[in-house]
Amino acid sequence: MKVTQVVLAVASIAAVSAHDVPSTPEEIAHQLHLQESMYHCTPQIAKHLAERKRAAQVALGGRPSTDASTMFLESAFETSQDRPTLECTSAQEAKIRNHTCVLSPEVTQGPYYHVAGHPIRQNMAENQLGLPFLMDFGIIDVSTCEPVSNVLVDIWHANTTGHYAGHADPDPDLIWEGPAAYGVRKGLLTKFPRWNNDETWLRAAWPTNKNGVSQFSSIFPGYYTGRATHVHVKVHTKWTPHTNGTFTSGQQVHTGQLFVDDSINEVIDKIHPYTTNPIKDKWGRTRNWADSLNIYPESFGNGYQPTFEIEKLGGVIQQGLIGYITVGVDLSKSYDRNPTQQGNGVPHKD
């Protein structure tokens, strides 16, 4: 039995958030091209997702794994007549779940990104306890609907008690601070300082393979006050690896946040150690619709569906979950790589 959501994502220029609205005739034409591409490529993207799922089933054998390098088998991907998996064909009506050839909107990276502290690896849990959560990212070029190989997918998220690696405690002067009571920051606390420069748990980056896919093994993210349960993602087309196993970005084409249906979150709330979240009985988990800073609704820009399609790894949820998501990027873009940049889609200036 699988948990899933059936969505037909209908892209509309009106759905583009204000900061991304095209203004010149050239920008409008380009935006229309990106939007129209979703209609003639949906069958190929559905096929790509099906092959990713089949590969997971073959590699995992119905049992959860803690080693992401064994999650998928390259041989499980199929092509026909030597055509790329996502090659566009004639227009065809199709309903696909959460995944379309549509540009993923740019949203804030948040305050807990470490510009040079994310290891290049697939297994990112380290010593963190929690429900096994495997993540499958498919990266596509929205201009061609073809998979993008050798781009670095960079992700990070909170642990079961809602903390990020390196940011365990609030500023001592703000230890009694309560969540913001109103406004766009309603529910949020002031950013926790970075106290530990060595912690790297639940942070990782891994390049896409020849099929445009990058996979990670982690634990299901926890929640903290003011924010819906989420996973942060960046996509880098250029990067410099360091001797300590981390990297520095040279070109970034996407920053986003991904979510989980509240119906799934409510079940996981009842599983240990998520039951030990310190705000469980104080403020509780923020639902998707109440996400602070309007990040959840903004993530639906361009008709995109920012929720993982989730399936069980075994017969019961405690055996773990796997989440599939497709991220559409425009390879002609280059966004700000400044670690303090909190805005949405700020072009990078070399």
C-alpha atoms as a PDB file:
ATOM      1  CA  MET A   1       0.000   0.000   0.000  1.00  0.00           C
ATOM      2  CA  LYS A   2       1.421   3.358  -0.909  1.00  0.00           C
ATOM      3  CA  VAL A   3       0.745   6.894   0.166  1.00  0.00           C
ATOM      4  CA  THR A   4       0.445   9.184  -2.830  1.00  0.00           C
ATOM      5  CA  GLN A   5      -1.289  12.209  -4.223  1.00  0.00           C
ATOM      6  CA  VAL A   6      -2.680  12.482  -7.730  1.00  0.00           C
ATOM      7  CA  VAL A   7      -2.261  15.977  -9.076  1.00  0.00           C
ATOM      8  CA  LEU A   8      -2.511  17.504 -12.534  1.00  0.00           C
ATOM      9  CA  ALA A   9      -0.266  20.554 -12.330  1.00  0.00           C
ATOM     10  CA  VAL A  10      -1.673  23.249 -14.621  1.00  0.00           C
ATOM     11  CA  ALA A  11       0.901  25.955 -15.201  1.00  0.00           C
ATOM     12  CA  SER A  12      -0.264  29.518 -15.671  1.00  0.00           C
ATOM     13  CA  ILE A  13       1.553  32.771 -16.091  1.00  0.00           C
ATOM     14  CA  ALA A  14      -0.791  34.170 -13.473  1.00  0.00           C
ATOM     15  CA  ALA A  15       0.615  31.679 -10.995  1.00  0.00           C
ATOM     16  CA  VAL A  16       4.068  33.211 -11.161  1.00  0.00           C
ATOM     17  CA  SER A  17       4.852  35.071  -7.951  1.00  0.00           C
ATOM     18  CA  ALA A  18       5.358  38.817  -8.169  1.00  0.00           C
ATOM     19  CA  HIS A  19       9.138  38.757  -7.920  1.00  0.00           C
ATOM     20  CA  ASP A  20       9.389  36.403 -10.946  1.00  0.00           C
ATOM     21  CA  VAL A  21       6.880  38.079 -13.286  1.00  0.00           C
ATOM     22  CA  PRO A  22       8.449  38.589 -16.741  1.00  0.00           C
ATOM     23  CA  SER A  23       8.354  42.156 -18.022  1.00  0.00           C
ATOM     24  CA  THR A  24       9.999  42.375 -21.445  1.00  0.00           C
ATOM     25  CA  PRO A  25       8.602  40.679 -24.595  1.00  0.00           C
ATOM     26  CA  GLU A  26      11.626  38.376 -24.612  1.00  0.00           C
ATOM     27  CA  GLU A  27      11.076  37.337 -20.969  1.00  0.00           C
ATOM     28  CA  ILE A  28       7.376  36.742 -21.590  1.00  0.00           C
ATOM     29  CA  ALA A  29       8.113  34.586 -24.643  1.00  0.00           C
ATOM     30  CA  HIS A  30      10.677  32.591 -22.671  1.00  0.00           C
ATOM     31  CA  GLN A  31       8.252  32.093 -19.773  1.00  0.00           C
ATOM     32  CA  LEU A  32       5.516  30.906 -22.152  1.00  0.00           C
ATOM     33  CA  HIS A  33       7.931  28.424 -23.687  1.00  0.00           C
ATOM     34  CA  LEU A  34       8.789  27.019 -20.264  1.00  0.00           C
ATOM     35  CA  GLN A  35       5.129  26.735 -19.314  1.00  0.00           C
ATOM     36  CA  GLU A  36       4.081  25.083 -22.576  1.00  0.00           C
ATOM     37  CA  SER A  37       6.870  22.525 -22.295  1.00  0.00           C
ATOM     38  CA  MET A  38       5.041  20.838 -19.436  1.00  0.00           C
ATOM     39  CA  TYR A  39       2.226  19.710 -21.719  1.00  0.00           C
ATOM     40  CA  HIS A  40       4.242  17.952 -24.382  1.00  0.00           C
ATOM     41  CA  CYS A  41       6.709  16.321 -22.013  1.00  0.00           C
ATOM     42  CA  THR A  42       4.462  14.904 -19.284  1.00  0.00           C
ATOM     43  CA  PRO A  43       4.457  11.330 -20.665  1.00  0.00           C
ATOM     44  CA  GLN A  44       8.248  11.224 -20.672  1.00  0.00           C
ATOM     45  CA  ILE A  45       8.483  12.556 -17.128  1.00  0.00           C
ATOM     46  CA  ALA A  46       5.920  10.006 -15.947  1.00  0.00           C
ATOM     47  CA  LYS A  47       8.020   7.288 -17.599  1.00  0.00           C
ATOM     48  CA  HIS A  48      11.152   8.615 -15.915  1.00  0.00           C
ATOM     49  CA  LEU A  49       9.469   8.523 -12.507  1.00  0.00           C
ATOM     50  CA  ALA A  50       8.194   4.974 -13.109  1.00  0.00           C
ATOM     51  CA  GLU A  51      11.693   3.805 -13.999  1.00  0.00           C
ATOM     52  CA  ARG A  52      13.129   5.433 -10.884  1.00  0.00           C
ATOM     53  CA  LYS A  53      10.551   3.597  -8.773  1.00  0.00           C
ATOM     54  CA  ARG A  54      11.253   0.281 -10.484  1.00  0.00           C
ATOM     55  CA  ALA A  55      14.970   0.771  -9.931  1.00  0.00           C
ATOM     56  CA  ALA A  56      14.338   1.393  -6.233  1.00  0.00           C
ATOM     57  CA  GLN A  57      12.278  -1.773  -5.905  1.00  0.00           C
ATOM     58  CA  VAL A  58      14.947  -3.849  -7.628  1.00  0.00           C
ATOM     59  CA  ALA A  59      17.810  -2.429  -5.595  1.00  0.00           C
ATOM     60  CA  LEU A  60      16.081  -2.437  -2.222  1.00  0.00           C
ATOM     61  CA  GLY A  61      14.245  -5.711  -2.592  1.00  0.00           C
ATOM     62  CA  GLY A  62      11.467  -4.335  -0.391  1.00  0.00           C
ATOM     63  CA  ARG A  63      13.860  -3.709   2.488  1.00  0.00           C
ATOM     64  CA  PRO A  64      15.187  -0.354   3.730  1.00  0.00           C
ATOM     65  CA  SER A  65      18.849   0.464   3.210  1.00  0.00           C
ATOM     66  CA  THR A  66      21.180   2.866   4.985  1.00  0.00           C
ATOM     67  CA  ASP A  67      23.582   3.035   2.062  1.00  0.00           C
ATOM     68  CA  ALA A  68      22.300   5.297  -0.692  1.00  0.00           C
ATOM     69  CA  SER A  69      24.979   4.057  -3.082  1.00  0.00           C
ATOM     70  CA  THR A  70      23.071   0.769  -3.331  1.00  0.00           C
ATOM     71  CA  MET A  71      19.607   2.288  -3.572  1.00  0.00           C
ATOM     72  CA  PHE A  72      19.346   2.192  -7.354  1.00  0.00           C
ATOM     73  CA  LEU A  73      20.690   0.057 -10.162  1.00  0.00           C
ATOM     74  CA  GLU A  74      21.684   1.790 -13.383  1.00  0.00           C
ATOM     75  CA  SER A  75      20.511  -1.237 -15.373  1.00  0.00           C
ATOM     76  CA  ALA A  76      16.958  -0.687 -14.179  1.00  0.00           C
ATOM     77  CA  PHE A  77      16.657   2.385 -16.384  1.00  0.00           C
ATOM     78  CA  GLU A  78      15.448   1.755 -19.892  1.00  0.00           C
ATOM     79  CA  THR A  79      15.623   3.694 -23.117  1.00  0.00           C
ATOM     80  CA  SER A  80      14.046   2.909 -26.442  1.00  0.00           C
ATOM     81  CA  GLN A  81      15.414   3.516 -29.954  1.00  0.00           C
ATOM     82  CA  ASP A  82      18.422   5.263 -28.419  1.00  0.00           C
ATOM     83  CA  ARG A  83      16.277   8.222 -27.372  1.00  0.00           C
ATOM     84  CA  PRO A  84      16.874  10.116 -24.111  1.00  0.00           C
ATOM     85  CA  THR A  85      14.492   9.056 -21.366  1.00  0.00           C
ATOM     86  CA  LEU A  86      12.832  12.478 -21.275  1.00  0.00           C
ATOM     87  CA  GLU A  87      12.894  13.278 -24.977  1.00  0.00           C
ATOM     88  CA  CYS A  88       9.788  15.248 -25.969  1.00  0.00           C
ATOM     89  CA  THR A  89       7.255  13.694 -28.318  1.00  0.00           C
ATOM     90  CA  SER A  90       3.976  14.870 -29.779  1.00  0.00           C
ATOM     91  CA  ALA A  91       1.472  16.587 -27.509  1.00  0.00           C
ATOM     92  CA  GLN A  92      -0.394  14.112 -25.362  1.00  0.00           C
ATOM     93  CA  GLU A  93      -2.792  14.527 -22.463  1.00  0.00           C
ATOM     94  CA  ALA A  94      -1.526  12.902 -19.278  1.00  0.00           C
ATOM     95  CA  LYS A  95      -2.054  13.145 -15.556  1.00  0.00           C
ATOM     96  CA  ILE A  96       1.093  12.681 -13.546  1.00  0.00           C
ATOM     97  CA  ARG A  97       1.604  12.841  -9.823  1.00  0.00           C
ATOM     98  CA  ASN A  98       3.471  15.888  -8.518  1.00  0.00           C
ATOM     99  CA  HIS A  99       5.872  15.940 -11.454  1.00  0.00           C
ATOM    100  CA  THR A 100       5.804  18.071 -14.610  1.00  0.00           C
ATOM    101  CA  CYS A 101       8.284  19.711 -16.929  1.00  0.00           C
ATOM    102  CA  VAL A 102       7.742  23.055 -15.250  1.00  0.00           C
ATOM    103  CA  LEU A 103      10.201  25.486 -13.714  1.00  0.00           C
ATOM    104  CA  SER A 104      10.579  24.989  -9.956  1.00  0.00           C
ATOM    105  CA  PRO A 105      10.129  28.361  -8.201  1.00  0.00           C
ATOM    106  CA  GLU A 106      12.951  30.055  -6.318  1.00  0.00           C
ATOM    107  CA  VAL A 107      12.286  30.424  -2.584  1.00  0.00           C
ATOM    108  CA  THR A 108      14.419  31.483   0.365  1.00  0.00           C
ATOM    109  CA  GLN A 109      17.309  29.257   1.419  1.00  0.00           C
ATOM    110  CA  GLY A 110      16.596  30.023   5.077  1.00  0.00           C
ATOM    111  CA  PRO A 111      19.119  30.949   7.789  1.00  0.00           C
ATOM    112  CA  TYR A 112      20.808  27.567   8.325  1.00  0.00           C
ATOM    113  CA  TYR A 113      22.714  26.964   5.087  1.00  0.00           C
ATOM    114  CA  HIS A 114      26.452  26.320   5.428  1.00  0.00           C
ATOM    115  CA  VAL A 115      28.185  27.583   2.319  1.00  0.00           C
ATOM    116  CA  ALA A 116      31.243  25.313   2.713  1.00  0.00           C
ATOM    117  CA  GLY A 117      30.045  22.707   5.182  1.00  0.00           C
ATOM    118  CA  HIS A 118      27.995  20.201   3.196  1.00  0.00           C
ATOM    119  CA  PRO A 119      29.814  16.896   2.547  1.00  0.00           C
ATOM    120  CA  ILE A 120      29.639  15.325  -0.903  1.00  0.00           C
ATOM    121  CA  ARG A 121      27.957  12.052   0.087  1.00  0.00           C
ATOM    122  CA  GLN A 122      24.662  10.176  -0.120  1.00  0.00           C
ATOM    123  CA  ASN A 123      24.242   8.795   3.408  1.00  0.00           C
ATOM    124  CA  MET A 124      23.611  11.917   5.457  1.00  0.00           C
ATOM    125  CA  ALA A 125      22.056  10.658   8.705  1.00  0.00           C
ATOM    126  CA  GLU A 126      25.292  10.093  10.658  1.00  0.00           C
ATOM    127  CA  ASN A 127      24.289   9.407  14.290  1.00  0.00           C
ATOM    128  CA  GLN A 128      20.811  10.921  14.093  1.00  0.00           C
ATOM    129  CA  LEU A 129      17.918   8.675  15.092  1.00  0.00           C
ATOM    130  CA  GLY A 130      14.649   8.707  13.206  1.00  0.00           C
ATOM    131  CA  LEU A 131      12.438   7.063  10.615  1.00  0.00           C
ATOM    132  CA  PRO A 132      14.510   5.974   7.571  1.00  0.00           C
ATOM    133  CA  PHE A 133      13.786   8.314   4.687  1.00  0.00           C
ATOM    134  CA  LEU A 134      15.241   7.792   1.215  1.00  0.00           C
ATOM    135  CA  MET A 135      15.021  10.717  -1.200  1.00  0.00           C
ATOM    136  CA  ASP A 136      15.078  10.444  -4.997  1.00  0.00           C
ATOM    137  CA  PHE A 137      15.648  13.696  -6.911  1.00  0.00           C
ATOM    138  CA  GLY A 138      15.157  13.885 -10.660  1.00  0.00           C
ATOM    139  CA  ILE A 139      16.609  17.038 -12.245  1.00  0.00           C
ATOM    140  CA  ILE A 140      15.310  18.164 -15.641  1.00  0.00           C
ATOM    141  CA  ASP A 141      16.070  21.046 -17.962  1.00  0.00           C
ATOM    142  CA  VAL A 142      12.725  22.785 -18.488  1.00  0.00           C
ATOM    143  CA  SER A 143      13.839  24.137 -21.860  1.00  0.00           C
ATOM    144  CA  THR A 144      14.338  20.640 -23.311  1.00  0.00           C
ATOM    145  CA  CYS A 145      12.614  18.288 -20.848  1.00  0.00           C
ATOM    146  CA  GLU A 146      15.785  16.215 -20.822  1.00  0.00           C
ATOM    147  CA  PRO A 147      17.440  14.910 -17.648  1.00  0.00           C
ATOM    148  CA  VAL A 148      20.452  16.880 -16.457  1.00  0.00           C
ATOM    149  CA  SER A 149      23.502  14.793 -15.579  1.00  0.00           C
ATOM    150  CA  ASN A 150      26.417  15.855 -13.390  1.00  0.00           C
ATOM    151  CA  VAL A 151      24.755  18.694 -11.518  1.00  0.00           C
ATOM    152  CA  LEU A 152      25.184  18.776  -7.759  1.00  0.00           C
ATOM    153  CA  VAL A 153      21.993  18.336  -5.707  1.00  0.00           C
ATOM    154  CA  ASP A 154      22.589  19.918  -2.301  1.00  0.00           C
ATOM    155  CA  ILE A 155      20.124  19.248   0.556  1.00  0.00           C
ATOM    156  CA  TRP A 156      19.751  19.848   4.279  1.00  0.00           C
ATOM    157  CA  HIS A 157      16.989  19.514   6.882  1.00  0.00           C
ATOM    158  CA  ALA A 158      16.226  19.467  10.610  1.00  0.00           C
ATOM    159  CA  ASN A 159      16.476  16.428  12.885  1.00  0.00           C
ATOM    160  CA  THR A 160      13.622  14.783  14.781  1.00  0.00           C
ATOM    161  CA  THR A 161      13.594  17.492  17.446  1.00  0.00           C
ATOM    162  CA  GLY A 162      13.667  20.357  14.950  1.00  0.00           C
ATOM    163  CA  HIS A 163      17.332  21.368  15.097  1.00  0.00           C
ATOM    164  CA  TYR A 164      19.894  21.863  12.339  1.00  0.00           C
ATOM    165  CA  ALA A 165      23.483  20.635  12.557  1.00  0.00           C
ATOM    166  CA  GLY A 166      25.590  23.305  14.236  1.00  0.00           C
ATOM    167  CA  HIS A 167      22.606  25.242  15.617  1.00  0.00           C
ATOM    168  CA  ALA A 168      21.525  23.404  18.752  1.00  0.00           C
ATOM    169  CA  ASP A 169      20.649  26.290  21.068  1.00  0.00           C
ATOM    170  CA  PRO A 170      19.283  29.847  20.928  1.00  0.00           C
ATOM    171  CA  ASP A 171      21.241  32.941  21.765  1.00  0.00           C
ATOM    172  CA  PRO A 172      21.512  33.069  25.601  1.00  0.00           C
ATOM    173  CA  ASP A 173      19.934  36.520  25.579  1.00  0.00           C
ATOM    174  CA  LEU A 174      16.885  35.098  23.759  1.00  0.00           C
ATOM    175  CA  ILE A 175      16.385  31.861  25.658  1.00  0.00           C
ATOM    176  CA  TRP A 176      12.956  32.962  26.867  1.00  0.00           C
ATOM    177  CA  GLU A 177      11.862  34.361  23.523  1.00  0.00           C
ATOM    178  CA  GLY A 178       8.490  33.189  22.247  1.00  0.00           C
ATOM    179  CA  PRO A 179       7.401  32.810  18.614  1.00  0.00           C
ATOM    180  CA  ALA A 180       6.377  35.925  16.696  1.00  0.00           C
ATOM    181  CA  ALA A 181       2.702  36.521  17.415  1.00  0.00           C
ATOM    182  CA  TYR A 182       1.646  38.103  14.115  1.00  0.00           C
ATOM    183  CA  GLY A 183       2.813  39.188  10.684  1.00  0.00           C
ATOM    184  CA  VAL A 184       4.553  37.186   7.972  1.00  0.00           C
ATOM    185  CA  ARG A 185       7.010  35.808  10.586  1.00  0.00           C
ATOM    186  CA  LYS A 186       4.204  34.508  12.792  1.00  0.00           C
ATOM    187  CA  GLY A 187       5.390  31.442  14.689  1.00  0.00           C
ATOM    188  CA  LEU A 188       9.104  31.945  14.062  1.00  0.00           C
ATOM    189  CA  LEU A 189      11.896  32.386  16.585  1.00  0.00           C
ATOM    190  CA  THR A 190      15.088  34.351  16.023  1.00  0.00           C
ATOM    191  CA  LYS A 191      17.758  32.347  14.194  1.00  0.00           C
ATOM    192  CA  PHE A 192      19.805  30.067  16.455  1.00  0.00           C
ATOM    193  CA  PRO A 193      23.525  30.959  16.172  1.00  0.00           C
ATOM    194  CA  ARG A 194      26.019  28.469  14.786  1.00  0.00           C
ATOM    195  CA  TRP A 195      27.716  27.064  17.872  1.00  0.00           C
ATOM    196  CA  ASN A 196      29.429  24.050  16.306  1.00  0.00           C
ATOM    197  CA  ASN A 197      31.416  24.379  13.080  1.00  0.00           C
ATOM    198  CA  ASP A 198      32.129  20.650  12.800  1.00  0.00           C
ATOM    199  CA  GLU A 199      28.630  19.129  12.782  1.00  0.00           C
ATOM    200  CA  THR A 200      27.473  17.975   9.346  1.00  0.00           C
ATOM    201  CA  TRP A 201      24.587  15.586  10.072  1.00  0.00           C
ATOM    202  CA  LEU A 202      21.571  15.819   7.768  1.00  0.00           C
ATOM    203  CA  ARG A 203      23.565  17.834   5.241  1.00  0.00           C
ATOM    204  CA  ALA A 204      24.767  16.361   1.953  1.00  0.00           C
ATOM    205  CA  ALA A 205      25.303  16.915  -1.754  1.00  0.00           C
ATOM    206  CA  TRP A 206      25.581  14.406  -4.577  1.00  0.00           C
ATOM    207  CA  PRO A 207      25.839  14.757  -8.374  1.00  0.00           C
ATOM    208  CA  THR A 208      23.124  13.444 -10.663  1.00  0.00           C
ATOM    209  CA  ASN A 209      23.894  10.333 -12.689  1.00  0.00           C
ATOM    210  CA  LYS A 210      23.474   9.896 -16.448  1.00  0.00           C
ATOM    211  CA  ASN A 211      19.705   9.680 -15.921  1.00  0.00           C
ATOM    212  CA  GLY A 212      19.543  13.013 -14.111  1.00  0.00           C
ATOM    213  CA  VAL A 213      18.914  11.335 -10.742  1.00  0.00           C
ATOM    214  CA  SER A 214      20.510  11.874  -7.330  1.00  0.00           C
ATOM    215  CA  GLN A 215      19.566   9.809  -4.275  1.00  0.00           C
ATOM    216  CA  PHE A 216      20.113  10.209  -0.547  1.00  0.00           C
ATOM    217  CA  SER A 217      19.496   8.167   2.596  1.00  0.00           C
ATOM    218  CA  SER A 218      18.465  10.147   5.655  1.00  0.00           C
ATOM    219  CA  ILE A 219      15.826  10.273   8.361  1.00  0.00           C
ATOM    220  CA  PHE A 220      12.428  11.879   8.025  1.00  0.00           C
ATOM    221  CA  PRO A 221      12.763  15.583   8.958  1.00  0.00           C
ATOM    222  CA  GLY A 222      11.400  16.921  12.198  1.00  0.00           C
ATOM    223  CA  TYR A 223       9.630  20.229  12.732  1.00  0.00           C
ATOM    224  CA  TYR A 224      10.265  23.458  14.582  1.00  0.00           C
ATOM    225  CA  THR A 225       8.056  26.362  15.496  1.00  0.00           C
ATOM    226  CA  GLY A 226       6.611  28.413  12.664  1.00  0.00           C
ATOM    227  CA  ARG A 227       7.678  26.164   9.788  1.00  0.00           C
ATOM    228  CA  ALA A 228       5.963  23.301   8.006  1.00  0.00           C
ATOM    229  CA  THR A 229       7.992  20.096   7.745  1.00  0.00           C
ATOM    230  CA  HIS A 230      10.404  20.641   4.850  1.00  0.00           C
ATOM    231  CA  VAL A 231      13.658  19.778   3.093  1.00  0.00           C
ATOM    232  CA  HIS A 232      15.902  22.456   1.576  1.00  0.00           C
ATOM    233  CA  VAL A 233      17.463  21.939  -1.857  1.00  0.00           C
ATOM    234  CA  LYS A 234      19.951  23.721  -4.075  1.00  0.00           C
ATOM    235  CA  VAL A 235      21.185  22.706  -7.524  1.00  0.00           C
ATOM    236  CA  HIS A 236      24.718  23.664  -8.570  1.00  0.00           C
ATOM    237  CA  THR A 237      26.061  23.345 -12.118  1.00  0.00           C
ATOM    238  CA  LYS A 238      29.629  24.239 -11.118  1.00  0.00           C
ATOM    239  CA  TRP A 239      31.385  23.458  -7.853  1.00  0.00           C
ATOM    240  CA  THR A 240      34.847  23.070  -6.353  1.00  0.00           C
ATOM    241  CA  PRO A 241      35.442  20.063  -4.053  1.00  0.00           C
ATOM    242  CA  HIS A 242      37.653  20.476  -0.993  1.00  0.00           C
ATOM    243  CA  THR A 243      40.037  18.061   0.701  1.00  0.00           C
ATOM    244  CA  ASN A 244      37.691  17.757   3.708  1.00  0.00           C
ATOM    245  CA  GLY A 245      34.964  16.282   1.482  1.00  0.00           C
ATOM    246  CA  THR A 246      32.842  19.438   1.200  1.00  0.00           C
ATOM    247  CA  PHE A 247      32.562  21.885  -1.711  1.00  0.00           C
ATOM    248  CA  THR A 248      32.092  25.498  -2.725  1.00  0.00           C
ATOM    249  CA  SER A 249      29.538  26.436  -5.366  1.00  0.00           C
ATOM    250  CA  GLY A 250      30.661  28.064  -8.611  1.00  0.00           C
ATOM    251  CA  GLN A 251      27.234  28.378 -10.216  1.00  0.00           C
ATOM    252  CA  GLN A 252      23.809  27.845  -8.710  1.00  0.00           C
ATOM    253  CA  VAL A 253      20.641  27.415 -10.779  1.00  0.00           C
ATOM    254  CA  HIS A 254      18.031  26.663  -8.123  1.00  0.00           C
ATOM    255  CA  THR A 255      17.144  27.131  -4.456  1.00  0.00           C
ATOM    256  CA  GLY A 256      13.911  25.607  -3.181  1.00  0.00           C
ATOM    257  CA  GLN A 257      12.082  23.885  -0.367  1.00  0.00           C
ATOM    258  CA  LEU A 258      10.147  20.619  -0.531  1.00  0.00           C
ATOM    259  CA  PHE A 259       7.276  19.429   1.644  1.00  0.00           C
ATOM    260  CA  VAL A 260       5.289  16.406   2.796  1.00  0.00           C
ATOM    261  CA  ASP A 261       1.518  16.075   2.907  1.00  0.00           C
ATOM    262  CA  ASP A 262       0.148  16.868   6.371  1.00  0.00           C
ATOM    263  CA  SER A 263      -1.662  13.518   6.466  1.00  0.00           C
ATOM    264  CA  ILE A 264       1.736  11.778   6.479  1.00  0.00           C
ATOM    265  CA  ASN A 265       3.244  14.216   8.968  1.00  0.00           C
ATOM    266  CA  GLU A 266       0.404  13.528  11.403  1.00  0.00           C
ATOM    267  CA  VAL A 267       1.180   9.801  11.392  1.00  0.00           C
ATOM    268  CA  ILE A 268       4.923  10.307  11.871  1.00  0.00           C
ATOM    269  CA  ASP A 269       4.245  12.694  14.768  1.00  0.00           C
ATOM    270  CA  LYS A 270       3.156   9.590  16.741  1.00  0.00           C
ATOM    271  CA  ILE A 271       6.370   7.631  16.125  1.00  0.00           C
ATOM    272  CA  HIS A 272       9.379   7.749  18.488  1.00  0.00           C
ATOM    273  CA  PRO A 273      11.626   9.810  18.574  1.00  0.00           C
ATOM    274  CA  TYR A 274       9.380  12.411  16.907  1.00  0.00           C
ATOM    275  CA  THR A 275       7.233  12.250  20.037  1.00  0.00           C
ATOM    276  CA  THR A 276      10.143  13.827  21.948  1.00  0.00           C
ATOM    277  CA  ASN A 277      10.070  17.080  20.008  1.00  0.00           C
ATOM    278  CA  PRO A 278      10.322  19.764  22.723  1.00  0.00           C
ATOM    279  CA  ILE A 279       7.563  21.919  21.212  1.00  0.00           C
ATOM    280  CA  LYS A 280       5.142  19.003  20.706  1.00  0.00           C
ATOM    281  CA  ASP A 281       2.894  19.995  23.630  1.00  0.00           C
ATOM    282  CA  LYS A 282       3.882  23.671  23.697  1.00  0.00           C
ATOM    283  CA  TRP A 283       3.253  25.056  20.219  1.00  0.00           C
ATOM    284  CA  GLY A 284       2.917  21.910  18.150  1.00  0.00           C
ATOM    285  CA  ARG A 285       3.749  21.330  14.494  1.00  0.00           C
ATOM    286  CA  THR A 286       2.911  24.032  11.977  1.00  0.00           C
ATOM    287  CA  ARG A 287       0.619  22.762   9.218  1.00  0.00           C
ATOM    288  CA  ASN A 288       1.530  23.351   5.599  1.00  0.00           C
ATOM    289  CA  TRP A 289      -1.193  25.934   5.078  1.00  0.00           C
ATOM    290  CA  ALA A 290       0.098  27.988   8.039  1.00  0.00           C
ATOM    291  CA  ASP A 291       3.789  27.981   7.016  1.00  0.00           C
ATOM    292  CA  SER A 292       5.521  31.202   8.036  1.00  0.00           C
ATOM    293  CA  LEU A 293       6.924  33.626   5.444  1.00  0.00           C
ATOM    294  CA  ASN A 294       4.416  32.156   2.949  1.00  0.00           C
ATOM    295  CA  ILE A 295       7.097  29.682   1.843  1.00  0.00           C
ATOM    296  CA  TYR A 296       4.724  26.747   1.304  1.00  0.00           C
ATOM    297  CA  PRO A 297       2.313  28.654  -0.997  1.00  0.00           C
ATOM    298  CA  GLU A 298       5.197  30.370  -2.809  1.00  0.00           C
ATOM    299  CA  SER A 299       6.687  26.952  -3.564  1.00  0.00           C
ATOM    300  CA  PHE A 300       3.679  26.258  -5.826  1.00  0.00           C
ATOM    301  CA  GLY A 301       4.708  29.049  -8.213  1.00  0.00           C
ATOM    302  CA  ASN A 302       4.674  28.289 -11.966  1.00  0.00           C
ATOM    303  CA  GLY A 303       2.205  25.437 -11.321  1.00  0.00           C
ATOM    304  CA  TYR A 304       4.930  23.383  -9.618  1.00  0.00           C
ATOM    305  CA  GLN A 305       4.067  20.707  -7.054  1.00  0.00           C
ATOM    306  CA  PRO A 306       6.660  20.908  -4.212  1.00  0.00           C
ATOM    307  CA  THR A 307       5.477  17.856  -2.241  1.00  0.00           C
ATOM    308  CA  PHE A 308       7.343  14.574  -2.209  1.00  0.00           C
ATOM    309  CA  GLU A 309       5.464  11.607  -3.616  1.00  0.00           C
ATOM    310  CA  ILE A 310       5.951   9.156  -0.769  1.00  0.00           C
ATOM    311  CA  GLU A 311       5.765   5.374  -0.602  1.00  0.00           C
ATOM    312  CA  LYS A 312       6.468   2.860   2.140  1.00  0.00           C
ATOM    313  CA  LEU A 313       9.637   0.778   1.983  1.00  0.00           C
ATOM    314  CA  GLY A 314       7.930  -2.182   3.634  1.00  0.00           C
ATOM    315  CA  GLY A 315       4.647  -3.358   5.027  1.00  0.00           C
ATOM    316  CA  VAL A 316       4.486  -0.784   7.830  1.00  0.00           C
ATOM    317  CA  ILE A 317       5.503   2.846   7.977  1.00  0.00           C
ATOM    318  CA  GLN A 318       8.123   2.172  10.685  1.00  0.00           C
ATOM    319  CA  GLN A 319      10.225   0.359   8.072  1.00  0.00           C
ATOM    320  CA  GLY A 320      10.826   3.665   6.384  1.00  0.00           C
ATOM    321  CA  LEU A 321       9.695   5.790   3.463  1.00  0.00           C
ATOM    322  CA  ILE A 322      10.993   6.816   0.072  1.00  0.00           C
ATOM    323  CA  GLY A 323      10.149  10.209  -1.411  1.00  0.00           C
ATOM    324  CA  TYR A 324      10.289  11.086  -5.108  1.00  0.00           C
ATOM    325  CA  ILE A 325      10.509  14.615  -6.440  1.00  0.00           C
ATOM    326  CA  THR A 326      11.331  16.151  -9.821  1.00  0.00           C
ATOM    327  CA  VAL A 327      12.999  19.561  -9.896  1.00  0.00           C
ATOM    328  CA  GLY A 328      12.826  21.617 -13.086  1.00  0.00           C
ATOM    329  CA  VAL A 329      15.718  24.036 -13.623  1.00  0.00           C
ATOM    330  CA  ASP A 330      16.603  26.665 -16.190  1.00  0.00           C
ATOM    331  CA  LEU A 331      20.291  26.095 -16.949  1.00  0.00           C
ATOM    332  CA  SER A 332      20.635  29.597 -18.385  1.00  0.00           C
ATOM    333  CA  LYS A 333      20.149  31.103 -14.912  1.00  0.00           C
ATOM    334  CA  SER A 334      22.754  31.806 -12.244  1.00  0.00           C
ATOM    335  CA  TYR A 335      21.465  32.810  -8.817  1.00  0.00           C
ATOM    336  CA  ASP A 336      23.171  34.489  -5.870  1.00  0.00           C
ATOM    337  CA  ARG A 337      25.471  32.152  -3.937  1.00  0.00           C
ATOM    338  CA  ASN A 338      25.893  34.471  -0.951  1.00  0.00           C
ATOM    339  CA  PRO A 339      25.236  32.375   2.204  1.00  0.00           C
ATOM    340  CA  THR A 340      23.357  35.274   3.810  1.00  0.00           C
ATOM    341  CA  GLN A 341      21.044  35.699   0.814  1.00  0.00           C
ATOM    342  CA  GLN A 342      17.534  35.137   2.071  1.00  0.00           C
ATOM    343  CA  GLY A 343      15.586  36.461  -0.896  1.00  0.00           C
ATOM    344  CA  ASN A 344      13.905  34.630  -3.736  1.00  0.00           C
ATOM    345  CA  GLY A 345      15.742  34.125  -7.002  1.00  0.00           C
ATOM    346  CA  VAL A 346      18.291  36.959  -6.822  1.00  0.00           C
ATOM    347  CA  PRO A 347      20.476  36.813  -9.967  1.00  0.00           C
ATOM    348  CA  HIS A 348      24.164  36.283  -9.264  1.00  0.00           C
ATOM    349  CA  LYS A 349      26.506  39.094 -10.322  1.00  0.00           C
ATOM    350  CA  ASP A 350      30.019  37.894 -11.144  1.00  0.00           C
END
